[in-house]
Amino acid sequence: MSESETVFRRVENLLQSADVSFDVLRHEAVYTSEEAAAVRGTVLGSGAKALICKGDKRFVMFVMPADLRLASKAVRKSQGWRKLRFANREEVLELTGLQPGSIPPFGSLFGLPTLCDRRMADYPTIKLSDCPPPTLFPPRRVLRSPVWPGLGGDTSSRRR
């Protein structure tokens, strides 16, 4: 069993343990949020983008709609951090065992604090192409569960 299949099983177990219903769709591998939205026939924003960053001295995961970008300055201010940077490829691999772009948006699977942008609740379902295959689930149920305990902030801003 590959690392991505193991992580997919962990995602399934996490959602099932939180009593969150979900559907699984299978499609070819994609490498960008735009490609994922196109192959699924969905709007870009309904995809959950997971970013691993280092704020001062600790790593954290940010989850936001895929059509948004991280509002670094606002996050630094709200968290009281002086520094915030994206984790590099080696750090992501060390923290998750996965390559960037294939990370499911559940930091708890990797021992990472997770801050989920409140705008994830704007969509009737959330799509993620974590590890093959993608998973779809209703956000309001997930966002009120322990799956995303950090929900509530504005961590993102519109793409330019």
Protein backbone atom coordinates (compact mmCIF):
# COMPACT_ATOMS: atom_id res chain seq x y z
CA MET A 1 0.00 0.00 0.00
CA SER A 2 1.43 3.40 -0.98
CA GLU A 3 1.76 6.33 1.43
CA SER A 4 -1.06 8.17 -0.36
CA GLU A 5 -3.39 5.17 -0.02
CA THR A 6 -2.57 4.98 3.68
CA VAL A 7 -3.33 8.69 4.09
CA PHE A 8 -6.59 8.28 2.17
CA ARG A 9 -7.62 5.55 4.61
CA ARG A 10 -6.74 7.88 7.50
CA VAL A 11 -8.93 10.60 5.94
CA GLU A 12 -11.79 8.10 5.58
CA ASN A 13 -11.38 7.01 9.21
CA LEU A 14 -11.25 10.61 10.42
CA LEU A 15 -14.48 11.53 8.61
CA GLN A 16 -16.24 8.35 9.66
CA SER A 17 -15.24 8.82 13.31
CA ALA A 18 -16.70 12.35 13.19
CA ASP A 19 -19.88 10.92 11.61
CA VAL A 20 -19.36 12.98 8.45
CA SER A 21 -20.91 11.61 5.28
CA PHE A 22 -18.81 11.75 2.14
CA ASP A 23 -18.61 10.44 -1.41
CA VAL A 24 -15.55 9.30 -3.30
CA LEU A 25 -14.99 10.20 -6.94
CA ARG A 26 -12.18 8.77 -9.02
CA HIS A 27 -10.40 10.69 -11.78
CA GLU A 28 -6.99 11.02 -13.32
CA ALA A 29 -4.18 12.69 -11.40
CA VAL A 30 -4.22 16.49 -11.41
CA TYR A 31 -1.54 18.90 -10.27
CA THR A 32 -3.26 22.24 -9.72
CA SER A 33 -6.47 23.41 -8.10
CA GLU A 34 -7.60 24.68 -11.49
CA GLU A 35 -7.10 21.24 -13.08
CA ALA A 36 -8.95 19.58 -10.21
CA ALA A 37 -11.95 21.91 -10.54
CA ALA A 38 -12.06 21.37 -14.30
CA VAL A 39 -11.94 17.57 -14.12
CA ARG A 40 -14.65 17.55 -11.43
CA GLY A 41 -16.80 20.14 -13.21
CA THR A 42 -16.94 22.35 -10.13
CA VAL A 43 -16.10 25.93 -9.25
CA LEU A 44 -12.53 26.52 -8.10
CA GLY A 45 -13.53 27.87 -4.69
CA SER A 46 -15.24 24.66 -3.62
CA GLY A 47 -11.88 22.93 -3.46
CA ALA A 48 -10.13 22.85 -0.09
CA LYS A 49 -6.55 24.10 -0.42
CA ALA A 50 -4.19 22.98 2.34
CA LEU A 51 -1.05 25.03 2.91
CA ILE A 52 1.65 24.11 5.39
CA CYS A 53 3.48 27.13 6.72
CA LYS A 54 5.88 27.96 9.50
CA GLY A 55 4.75 30.75 11.80
CA ASP A 56 7.72 31.88 13.88
CA LYS A 57 8.96 28.52 15.20
CA ARG A 58 6.03 26.14 14.61
CA PHE A 59 4.40 24.57 11.60
CA VAL A 60 0.68 25.02 11.01
CA MET A 61 -1.80 24.08 8.28
CA PHE A 62 -4.09 26.63 6.68
CA VAL A 63 -7.20 25.44 4.85
CA MET A 64 -9.05 27.76 2.52
CA PRO A 65 -11.13 27.78 -0.65
CA ALA A 66 -8.84 27.05 -3.61
CA ASP A 67 -9.66 30.37 -5.30
CA LEU A 68 -8.13 32.32 -2.40
CA ARG A 69 -4.57 33.02 -1.38
CA LEU A 70 -3.07 33.19 2.08
CA ALA A 71 -3.31 36.67 3.62
CA SER A 72 0.12 36.44 5.24
CA LYS A 73 0.24 39.89 6.79
CA ALA A 74 -3.22 39.56 8.36
CA VAL A 75 -2.42 36.06 9.66
CA ARG A 76 0.87 37.21 11.19
CA LYS A 77 -0.94 40.04 12.94
CA SER A 78 -3.85 37.89 14.21
CA GLN A 79 -1.53 35.14 15.48
CA GLY A 80 1.08 37.50 16.93
CA TRP A 81 3.81 36.06 14.69
CA ARG A 82 6.75 38.06 13.42
CA LYS A 83 7.48 35.59 10.61
CA LEU A 84 5.37 33.40 8.35
CA ARG A 85 6.62 31.38 5.41
CA PHE A 86 5.53 28.44 3.30
CA ALA A 87 7.10 25.11 4.21
CA ASN A 88 9.56 23.96 1.58
CA ARG A 89 9.23 20.64 -0.28
CA GLU A 90 11.57 18.82 2.11
CA GLU A 91 9.72 20.09 5.20
CA VAL A 92 6.34 19.08 3.74
CA LEU A 93 7.68 15.61 2.95
CA GLU A 94 9.17 15.26 6.44
CA LEU A 95 5.99 16.46 8.18
CA THR A 96 3.46 14.50 6.10
CA GLY A 97 5.25 11.85 4.05
CA LEU A 98 3.57 13.41 0.99
CA GLN A 99 4.53 15.78 -1.80
CA PRO A 100 3.20 19.35 -1.88
CA GLY A 101 -0.11 19.44 -3.74
CA SER A 102 -1.25 16.08 -2.37
CA ILE A 103 -1.85 17.06 1.25
CA PRO A 104 -5.35 16.47 2.65
CA PRO A 105 -6.71 19.49 4.54
CA PHE A 106 -6.68 17.83 7.97
CA GLY A 107 -3.65 18.89 9.97
CA SER A 108 -4.63 16.55 12.80
CA LEU A 109 -3.54 13.62 10.61
CA PHE A 110 -0.01 14.97 10.84
CA GLY A 111 -0.01 16.54 14.29
CA LEU A 112 -0.33 20.04 12.82
CA PRO A 113 -2.55 22.77 14.25
CA THR A 114 -5.12 23.67 11.58
CA LEU A 115 -6.62 27.07 10.88
CA CYS A 116 -9.57 26.82 8.52
CA ASP A 117 -10.87 29.90 6.75
CA ARG A 118 -14.54 30.47 7.59
CA ARG A 119 -15.33 30.87 3.88
CA MET A 120 -15.08 27.09 3.46
CA ALA A 121 -18.67 27.10 4.76
CA ASP A 122 -19.81 29.07 1.70
CA TYR A 123 -19.99 25.90 -0.42
CA PRO A 124 -22.58 23.10 -0.27
CA THR A 125 -19.78 20.52 -0.55
CA ILE A 126 -16.03 20.67 -0.17
CA LYS A 127 -13.83 18.94 -2.70
CA LEU A 128 -10.33 17.78 -2.00
CA SER A 129 -7.78 16.01 -4.12
CA ASP A 130 -5.62 15.04 -1.21
CA CYS A 131 -4.32 11.65 -2.06
CA PRO A 132 -6.08 9.71 -4.77
CA PRO A 133 -9.02 9.67 -5.06
CA PRO A 134 -10.76 12.97 -4.24
CA THR A 135 -13.33 13.10 -1.48
CA LEU A 136 -16.47 15.21 -1.31
CA PHE A 137 -18.27 16.05 1.89
CA PRO A 138 -20.77 18.62 3.21
CA PRO A 139 -18.85 21.49 4.83
CA ARG A 140 -21.28 22.66 7.45
CA ARG A 141 -21.25 19.23 9.10
CA VAL A 142 -17.45 18.99 8.95
CA LEU A 143 -16.85 22.54 10.06
CA ARG A 144 -18.86 21.98 13.24
CA SER A 145 -16.96 18.80 14.07
CA PRO A 146 -13.57 18.23 15.70
CA VAL A 147 -12.16 17.59 12.22
CA TRP A 148 -11.40 21.31 11.78
CA PRO A 149 -11.13 22.78 15.28
CA GLY A 150 -9.51 26.02 14.09
CA LEU A 151 -12.47 27.26 12.02
CA GLY A 152 -13.55 30.83 12.20
CA GLY A 153 -10.86 33.18 10.99
CA ASP A 154 -10.17 34.97 7.76
CA THR A 155 -6.88 33.47 6.66
CA SER A 156 -7.17 34.33 3.01
CA SER A 157 -7.85 37.04 0.50
CA ARG A 158 -9.03 37.02 -3.11
CA ARG A 159 -6.55 36.06 -5.77
CA ARG A 160 -5.10 38.92 -7.76
